[in-house]
Amino acid sequence: MPDVHSGARAAAQMREDWAEHISLRMYLNSMVTLNAPDHGRVRGLAARVFTPNKIKKMQPAVEKRTDELINELIERSAGGEPVDIVELLAMPFPVAVISDMLGLPYEDGKRTWELADDWSRVFSGVYTEEDLVAADAAAEELTGYFIDVIKAVRAEPKDDLMSALVQEAANGKLDEEELMALILFLFTAGFAATTNLIATGVLALIEHPDELKRWRADKSITPTAVEELLRHTAHTTASSRLTTRPVTIGGTDIPEGVLVLALLSAANRDPARFPDPHRLDLSRDNGAHLSFSAGGHFCFGGTLARMEAADLFPKLIDTFTNIELAGTPGRRAIMGLTGYTSLPVTLGR
């Protein structure tokens, strides 16, 4: 409800000198923090470009990338040595897909992923000065990279998402800073959810071998299995907003101008909505989770993440009949987001 909360004002409260930091400026101009009417204008434009039909057309590319990366996993794990699921699958898979959609060179994927990951350190509003320095440097390099991409697209447009976005900007619907913020956000959002879902999902399946066995035996549960992994291992754990007027939530009176942290992962474990909420149940038929948020800020990239997960997980668990943890996973230390920087496993066939 935009009349109740403000994403932009919450983002601006990060610090008084936010305008001096490129990482914060780019985040403040992204869809996730904009209010009406700018939010509707920018989101509407993105939704017209990032359509369900265009996502559906990515299915062959998704399948191709899945097969390539699983074949690489087969080769890398053939000797029984541990492999890192994040490095070899969770990161390169969605980055390759969103790069295909945006018309970006695949070989740039690893570096742009690292930069986008560093930029995302400031998204929650809770970060160290070291995080801010890294985020600013990353946003600076990413901006320079995409400036060159935009120049190339303007010189020679193609039939891809990037060309469509640049054309919309040329039509006067976006200024240059809005265009850059939108591109950075779409690129980051285009892989972050799937990267975290793959890593947390694989670990959840390792920790729940009976559910893994059930999915392997019955692929008809794939749609509910994907939704349950999204619910149980929510990649976005919290979202901050600033109240624009007094409001009462759950019997608690909240005055105007208060920063509220909504715990989405807690909502996903609400026993009033999900019976036995801490149990992973891949056939659970209640998909009303908040892992992609809700309302005006609902993530329309969720369609792509679901399609990627529905193709990858069944192939992964069919290819490898034995998936075991081979070390301590490296946790992603970013408030509001969950995931892993590394997930060492052994894979058997």
Protein backbone atom coordinates (compact mmCIF):
# COMPACT_ATOMS: atom_id res chain seq x y z
CA MET A 1 0.00 0.00 0.00
CA PRO A 2 1.98 3.06 -1.21
CA ASP A 3 -0.23 5.38 0.88
CA VAL A 4 1.04 3.57 3.98
CA HIS A 5 4.73 2.98 3.28
CA SER A 6 7.54 4.45 1.21
CA GLY A 7 10.43 2.48 -0.21
CA ALA A 8 12.25 5.56 -1.49
CA ARG A 9 12.20 7.41 1.80
CA ALA A 10 13.32 4.27 3.61
CA ALA A 11 16.24 3.93 1.24
CA ALA A 12 17.15 7.60 1.67
CA GLN A 13 17.30 7.09 5.42
CA MET A 14 20.29 4.83 4.96
CA ARG A 15 22.57 7.83 5.64
CA GLU A 16 22.60 11.59 5.13
CA ASP A 17 25.28 11.49 2.45
CA TRP A 18 23.57 8.79 0.35
CA ALA A 19 23.63 11.00 -2.77
CA GLU A 20 27.44 10.99 -2.70
CA HIS A 21 27.55 7.20 -3.11
CA ILE A 22 26.85 5.74 -6.54
CA SER A 23 25.76 2.39 -5.09
CA LEU A 24 23.06 4.08 -3.00
CA ARG A 25 21.97 6.40 -5.83
CA MET A 26 21.54 3.48 -8.21
CA TYR A 27 19.62 1.53 -5.59
CA LEU A 28 17.43 4.53 -4.74
CA ASN A 29 16.52 4.86 -8.43
CA SER A 30 15.65 1.18 -8.81
CA MET A 31 12.07 -0.10 -8.96
CA VAL A 32 12.24 -1.65 -5.52
CA THR A 33 12.45 1.77 -3.83
CA LEU A 34 10.46 4.03 -6.17
CA ASN A 35 7.05 5.38 -5.19
CA ALA A 36 4.13 6.37 -7.39
CA PRO A 37 3.96 7.74 -9.99
CA ASP A 38 7.58 6.91 -10.90
CA HIS A 39 7.30 3.31 -9.72
CA GLY A 40 4.32 2.62 -11.99
CA ARG A 41 5.99 4.31 -14.95
CA VAL A 42 9.30 2.44 -14.64
CA ARG A 43 7.77 -0.89 -13.64
CA GLY A 44 5.19 -0.66 -16.41
CA LEU A 45 7.93 -0.10 -18.96
CA ALA A 46 9.97 -3.01 -17.63
CA ALA A 47 6.91 -5.26 -17.58
CA ARG A 48 6.17 -4.44 -21.22
CA VAL A 49 9.70 -5.47 -22.15
CA PHE A 50 10.13 -8.35 -19.69
CA THR A 51 6.92 -10.10 -20.81
CA PRO A 52 5.79 -13.66 -19.96
CA ASN A 53 5.94 -14.44 -23.68
CA LYS A 54 9.59 -13.38 -23.90
CA ILE A 55 10.37 -15.42 -20.81
CA LYS A 56 8.62 -18.44 -22.33
CA LYS A 57 10.75 -18.06 -25.46
CA MET A 58 13.82 -18.49 -23.24
CA GLN A 59 12.89 -22.12 -22.46
CA PRO A 60 15.21 -23.63 -25.12
CA ALA A 61 18.09 -21.44 -23.93
CA VAL A 62 17.40 -22.42 -20.32
CA GLU A 63 17.43 -26.12 -21.23
CA LYS A 64 20.64 -25.70 -23.22
CA ARG A 65 22.43 -23.93 -20.36
CA THR A 66 21.20 -26.55 -17.87
CA ASP A 67 22.52 -29.42 -19.99
CA GLU A 68 25.88 -27.73 -20.55
CA LEU A 69 26.48 -27.08 -16.86
CA ILE A 70 25.34 -30.51 -15.71
CA ASN A 71 27.69 -32.08 -18.26
CA GLU A 72 30.49 -29.98 -16.78
CA LEU A 73 29.51 -31.18 -13.30
CA ILE A 74 29.73 -34.78 -14.55
CA GLU A 75 33.26 -34.17 -15.82
CA ARG A 76 34.45 -32.24 -12.75
CA SER A 77 33.05 -34.77 -10.26
CA ALA A 78 34.09 -37.92 -12.14
CA GLY A 79 37.06 -38.61 -9.85
CA GLY A 80 35.02 -38.32 -6.69
CA GLU A 81 36.52 -34.94 -5.79
CA PRO A 82 34.23 -32.34 -4.17
CA VAL A 83 32.76 -29.66 -6.43
CA ASP A 84 31.32 -26.28 -5.51
CA ILE A 85 27.65 -26.04 -6.51
CA VAL A 86 27.72 -22.24 -6.29
CA GLU A 87 30.76 -21.85 -8.54
CA LEU A 88 29.77 -24.45 -11.12
CA LEU A 89 25.98 -24.22 -11.17
CA ALA A 90 24.16 -21.72 -8.96
CA MET A 91 26.12 -18.73 -10.23
CA PRO A 92 26.81 -19.46 -13.92
CA PHE A 93 23.37 -20.89 -14.78
CA PRO A 94 21.09 -17.87 -14.10
CA VAL A 95 23.82 -15.42 -15.10
CA ALA A 96 24.04 -17.15 -18.49
CA VAL A 97 20.27 -17.02 -18.92
CA ILE A 98 19.85 -13.34 -18.02
CA SER A 99 22.90 -12.53 -20.16
CA ASP A 100 21.18 -14.30 -23.06
CA MET A 101 18.05 -12.22 -22.47
CA LEU A 102 19.98 -8.96 -22.27
CA GLY A 103 22.26 -9.82 -25.18
CA LEU A 104 25.40 -9.72 -23.03
CA PRO A 105 28.51 -11.79 -23.76
CA TYR A 106 28.54 -14.96 -21.67
CA GLU A 107 32.26 -14.58 -20.97
CA ASP A 108 31.51 -11.35 -19.05
CA GLY A 109 29.14 -13.22 -16.73
CA LYS A 110 31.43 -14.14 -13.83
CA ARG A 111 32.83 -10.64 -13.42
CA THR A 112 29.47 -8.88 -13.73
CA TRP A 113 28.00 -11.36 -11.22
CA GLU A 114 30.77 -10.56 -8.73
CA LEU A 115 30.17 -6.84 -9.18
CA ALA A 116 26.40 -7.13 -8.83
CA ASP A 117 26.88 -9.25 -5.73
CA ASP A 118 29.09 -6.57 -4.17
CA TRP A 119 26.59 -3.85 -5.10
CA SER A 120 23.80 -5.76 -3.35
CA ARG A 121 25.62 -5.43 -0.01
CA VAL A 122 23.85 -2.09 0.60
CA PHE A 123 20.34 -3.18 -0.35
CA SER A 124 19.14 -3.89 3.19
CA GLY A 125 20.36 -0.57 4.59
CA VAL A 126 22.47 -2.42 7.17
CA TYR A 127 26.10 -2.58 6.09
CA THR A 128 29.63 -1.71 7.15
CA GLU A 129 31.79 1.05 5.72
CA GLU A 130 33.81 -1.70 4.06
CA ASP A 131 30.61 -2.95 2.40
CA LEU A 132 29.82 0.56 1.16
CA VAL A 133 33.30 1.02 -0.31
CA ALA A 134 33.00 -2.32 -2.12
CA ALA A 135 29.46 -1.52 -3.29
CA ASP A 136 30.49 1.90 -4.63
CA ALA A 137 33.45 0.42 -6.52
CA ALA A 138 31.22 -2.31 -7.94
CA ALA A 139 28.48 0.10 -8.99
CA GLU A 140 31.08 2.35 -10.62
CA GLU A 141 32.53 -0.53 -12.65
CA LEU A 142 29.10 -1.93 -13.53
CA THR A 143 27.93 1.49 -14.68
CA GLY A 144 30.99 1.87 -16.89
CA TYR A 145 30.42 -1.60 -18.34
CA PHE A 146 26.78 -0.92 -19.15
CA ILE A 147 27.54 2.54 -20.58
CA ASP A 148 29.64 0.75 -23.21
CA VAL A 149 26.87 -1.82 -23.74
CA ILE A 150 24.28 0.93 -24.24
CA LYS A 151 26.52 2.72 -26.75
CA ALA A 152 26.90 -0.51 -28.74
CA VAL A 153 23.15 -1.16 -28.66
CA ARG A 154 22.34 2.36 -29.85
CA ALA A 155 24.77 1.91 -32.72
CA GLU A 156 23.41 -1.52 -33.65
CA PRO A 157 20.08 -2.52 -32.01
CA LYS A 158 19.18 -6.21 -31.79
CA ASP A 159 16.13 -8.28 -30.90
CA ASP A 160 16.88 -8.56 -27.20
CA LEU A 161 15.79 -7.09 -23.88
CA MET A 162 18.62 -4.56 -23.73
CA SER A 163 17.77 -3.08 -27.12
CA ALA A 164 14.11 -2.81 -26.11
CA LEU A 165 15.02 -0.98 -22.90
CA VAL A 166 17.35 1.41 -24.69
CA GLN A 167 14.65 2.10 -27.29
CA GLU A 168 12.16 2.96 -24.54
CA ALA A 169 14.69 5.40 -23.10
CA ALA A 170 15.15 6.94 -26.55
CA ASN A 171 11.39 7.48 -26.70
CA GLY A 172 11.70 9.73 -23.68
CA LYS A 173 10.17 7.34 -21.18
CA LEU A 174 13.36 7.03 -19.12
CA ASP A 175 16.18 9.45 -18.44
CA GLU A 176 19.76 8.18 -18.51
CA GLU A 177 20.04 7.59 -14.76
CA GLU A 178 16.70 5.77 -14.66
CA LEU A 179 17.78 3.60 -17.59
CA MET A 180 21.05 2.70 -15.89
CA ALA A 181 19.35 1.93 -12.57
CA LEU A 182 16.78 -0.25 -14.32
CA ILE A 183 19.41 -2.21 -16.25
CA LEU A 184 21.50 -2.77 -13.12
CA PHE A 185 18.43 -3.87 -11.18
CA LEU A 186 17.12 -6.22 -13.89
CA PHE A 187 20.53 -7.82 -14.31
CA THR A 188 20.97 -8.32 -10.57
CA ALA A 189 17.39 -9.45 -9.93
CA GLY A 190 17.58 -11.69 -13.00
CA PHE A 191 20.12 -14.00 -11.40
CA ALA A 192 20.08 -13.38 -7.63
CA ALA A 193 16.86 -15.23 -6.84
CA THR A 194 17.81 -18.30 -8.88
CA THR A 195 21.41 -18.37 -7.64
CA ASN A 196 20.24 -18.42 -4.04
CA LEU A 197 17.38 -20.84 -4.77
CA ILE A 198 19.74 -23.38 -6.35
CA ALA A 199 22.26 -23.26 -3.50
CA THR A 200 19.74 -23.25 -0.66
CA GLY A 201 17.56 -25.76 -2.50
CA VAL A 202 20.38 -28.27 -3.03
CA LEU A 203 21.35 -28.00 0.64
CA ALA A 204 17.72 -28.45 1.71
CA LEU A 205 17.45 -31.60 -0.39
CA ILE A 206 20.67 -32.97 1.10
CA GLU A 207 19.28 -32.31 4.58
CA HIS A 208 15.93 -33.93 3.69
CA PRO A 209 16.91 -37.14 1.85
CA ASP A 210 13.39 -38.59 2.01
CA GLU A 211 12.01 -35.59 0.14
CA LEU A 212 14.85 -35.79 -2.37
CA LYS A 213 14.06 -39.47 -2.93
CA ARG A 214 10.36 -38.68 -3.36
CA TRP A 215 11.03 -35.99 -5.97
CA ARG A 216 13.45 -38.21 -7.84
CA ALA A 217 10.76 -40.91 -8.04
CA ASP A 218 7.88 -38.59 -8.95
CA LYS A 219 8.61 -35.63 -11.23
CA SER A 220 4.93 -34.68 -11.27
CA ILE A 221 5.51 -32.85 -7.98
CA THR A 222 8.03 -30.49 -9.61
CA PRO A 223 5.71 -27.42 -9.60
CA THR A 224 4.90 -27.76 -5.89
CA ALA A 225 8.49 -28.78 -5.09
CA VAL A 226 9.82 -25.55 -6.59
CA GLU A 227 7.27 -23.47 -4.66
CA GLU A 228 8.10 -25.31 -1.43
CA LEU A 229 11.82 -24.70 -1.87
CA LEU A 230 11.05 -21.03 -2.48
CA ARG A 231 8.95 -20.90 0.70
CA HIS A 232 11.20 -22.98 2.92
CA THR A 233 14.48 -21.37 1.85
CA ALA A 234 13.34 -17.83 1.01
CA HIS A 235 16.14 -15.89 -0.69
CA THR A 236 14.73 -12.51 0.41
CA THR A 237 14.32 -12.70 4.15
CA ALA A 238 13.38 -9.10 4.92
CA SER A 239 12.28 -5.83 3.33
CA SER A 240 12.39 -2.37 4.90
CA ARG A 241 9.78 0.35 4.43
CA LEU A 242 9.05 3.74 6.04
CA THR A 243 5.50 4.48 7.20
CA THR A 244 3.96 7.54 5.53
CA ARG A 245 1.07 7.74 8.00
CA PRO A 246 0.05 6.12 11.29
CA VAL A 247 -0.99 2.50 10.81
CA THR A 248 -1.96 -0.46 13.01
CA ILE A 249 -0.51 -3.85 12.10
CA GLY A 250 -1.28 -6.95 14.13
CA GLY A 251 -2.60 -4.85 17.00
CA THR A 252 0.53 -2.70 17.14
CA ASP A 253 0.22 1.05 16.50
CA ILE A 254 3.02 2.36 14.31
CA PRO A 255 3.41 6.15 13.95
CA GLU A 256 4.30 8.00 10.77
CA GLY A 257 7.97 8.11 9.80
CA VAL A 258 9.00 4.80 11.38
CA LEU A 259 11.28 2.36 9.60
CA VAL A 260 9.62 -1.07 9.56
CA LEU A 261 11.44 -4.30 8.73
CA ALA A 262 9.06 -6.88 7.29
CA LEU A 263 10.40 -10.40 7.86
CA LEU A 264 9.28 -12.21 4.72
CA SER A 265 10.95 -15.46 5.72
CA ALA A 266 9.01 -15.42 9.00
CA ALA A 267 5.77 -14.93 7.08
CA ASN A 268 6.73 -17.97 5.00
CA ARG A 269 6.85 -20.01 8.22
CA ASP A 270 3.55 -18.69 9.60
CA PRO A 271 1.71 -21.69 11.13
CA ALA A 272 -1.62 -19.97 10.53
CA ARG A 273 -0.94 -20.16 6.79
CA PHE A 274 1.34 -23.20 6.51
CA PRO A 275 0.66 -26.26 8.70
CA ASP A 276 3.86 -27.63 10.24
CA PRO A 277 5.73 -24.72 8.62
CA HIS A 278 9.29 -25.79 9.43
CA ARG A 279 8.86 -29.11 7.62
CA LEU A 280 9.99 -29.35 4.00
CA ASP A 281 7.06 -30.91 2.14
CA LEU A 282 7.64 -30.95 -1.62
CA SER A 283 4.01 -31.81 -2.30
CA ARG A 284 2.65 -28.91 -0.21
CA ASP A 285 -0.07 -27.36 -2.34
CA ASN A 286 -0.12 -23.91 -0.72
CA GLY A 287 2.08 -21.66 -2.81
CA ALA A 288 1.02 -18.42 -1.09
CA HIS A 289 4.54 -17.54 0.05
CA LEU A 290 6.16 -14.11 -0.03
CA SER A 291 9.53 -15.06 -1.47
CA PHE A 292 8.84 -12.80 -4.45
CA SER A 293 7.14 -10.16 -2.26
CA ALA A 294 3.57 -9.07 -3.03
CA GLY A 295 1.47 -6.18 -4.26
CA GLY A 296 2.95 -3.42 -6.38
CA HIS A 297 6.50 -4.63 -5.73
CA PHE A 298 5.80 -8.26 -6.64
CA CYS A 299 8.82 -9.61 -8.53
CA PHE A 300 7.80 -10.30 -12.13
CA GLY A 301 11.14 -12.06 -12.57
CA GLY A 302 9.71 -14.88 -10.49
CA THR A 303 8.39 -16.48 -13.66
CA LEU A 304 11.93 -16.84 -14.98
CA ALA A 305 13.27 -18.18 -11.67
CA ARG A 306 10.51 -20.80 -11.54
CA MET A 307 11.17 -21.89 -15.12
CA GLU A 308 14.90 -22.21 -14.44
CA ALA A 309 14.37 -24.19 -11.23
CA ALA A 310 11.77 -26.49 -12.80
CA ASP A 311 14.25 -27.45 -15.52
CA LEU A 312 17.40 -27.67 -13.43
CA PHE A 313 16.43 -29.55 -10.27
CA PRO A 314 14.84 -32.63 -11.92
CA LYS A 315 17.83 -32.99 -14.26
CA LEU A 316 20.29 -32.55 -11.41
CA ILE A 317 18.72 -35.14 -9.11
CA ASP A 318 18.27 -37.62 -11.98
CA THR A 319 21.86 -37.25 -13.15
CA PHE A 320 23.37 -37.67 -9.70
CA THR A 321 21.86 -40.40 -7.55
CA ASN A 322 24.06 -39.47 -4.61
CA ILE A 323 24.52 -35.85 -3.50
CA GLU A 324 26.35 -35.31 -0.21
CA LEU A 325 27.76 -32.31 1.60
CA ALA A 326 31.57 -32.28 1.47
CA GLY A 327 32.40 -29.39 3.77
CA THR A 328 31.01 -26.34 5.52
CA PRO A 329 28.98 -24.10 3.19
CA GLY A 330 30.02 -20.44 3.01
CA ARG A 331 27.09 -18.23 4.05
CA ARG A 332 26.29 -14.99 2.25
CA ALA A 333 26.61 -12.25 4.88
CA ILE A 334 24.07 -9.75 3.58
CA MET A 335 21.14 -8.76 5.78
CA GLY A 336 17.80 -9.34 4.10
CA LEU A 337 19.16 -11.89 1.66
CA THR A 338 20.01 -15.53 2.23
CA GLY A 339 22.29 -17.74 0.21
CA TYR A 340 25.74 -19.24 0.00
CA THR A 341 29.06 -18.14 -1.42
CA SER A 342 30.16 -21.78 -1.64
CA LEU A 343 28.51 -25.19 -1.29
CA PRO A 344 31.00 -28.08 -1.51
CA VAL A 345 29.40 -31.42 -2.40
CA THR A 346 30.34 -34.82 -3.75
CA LEU A 347 28.28 -36.15 -6.62
CA GLY A 348 27.77 -39.82 -7.43
CA ARG A 349 26.06 -41.43 -10.41
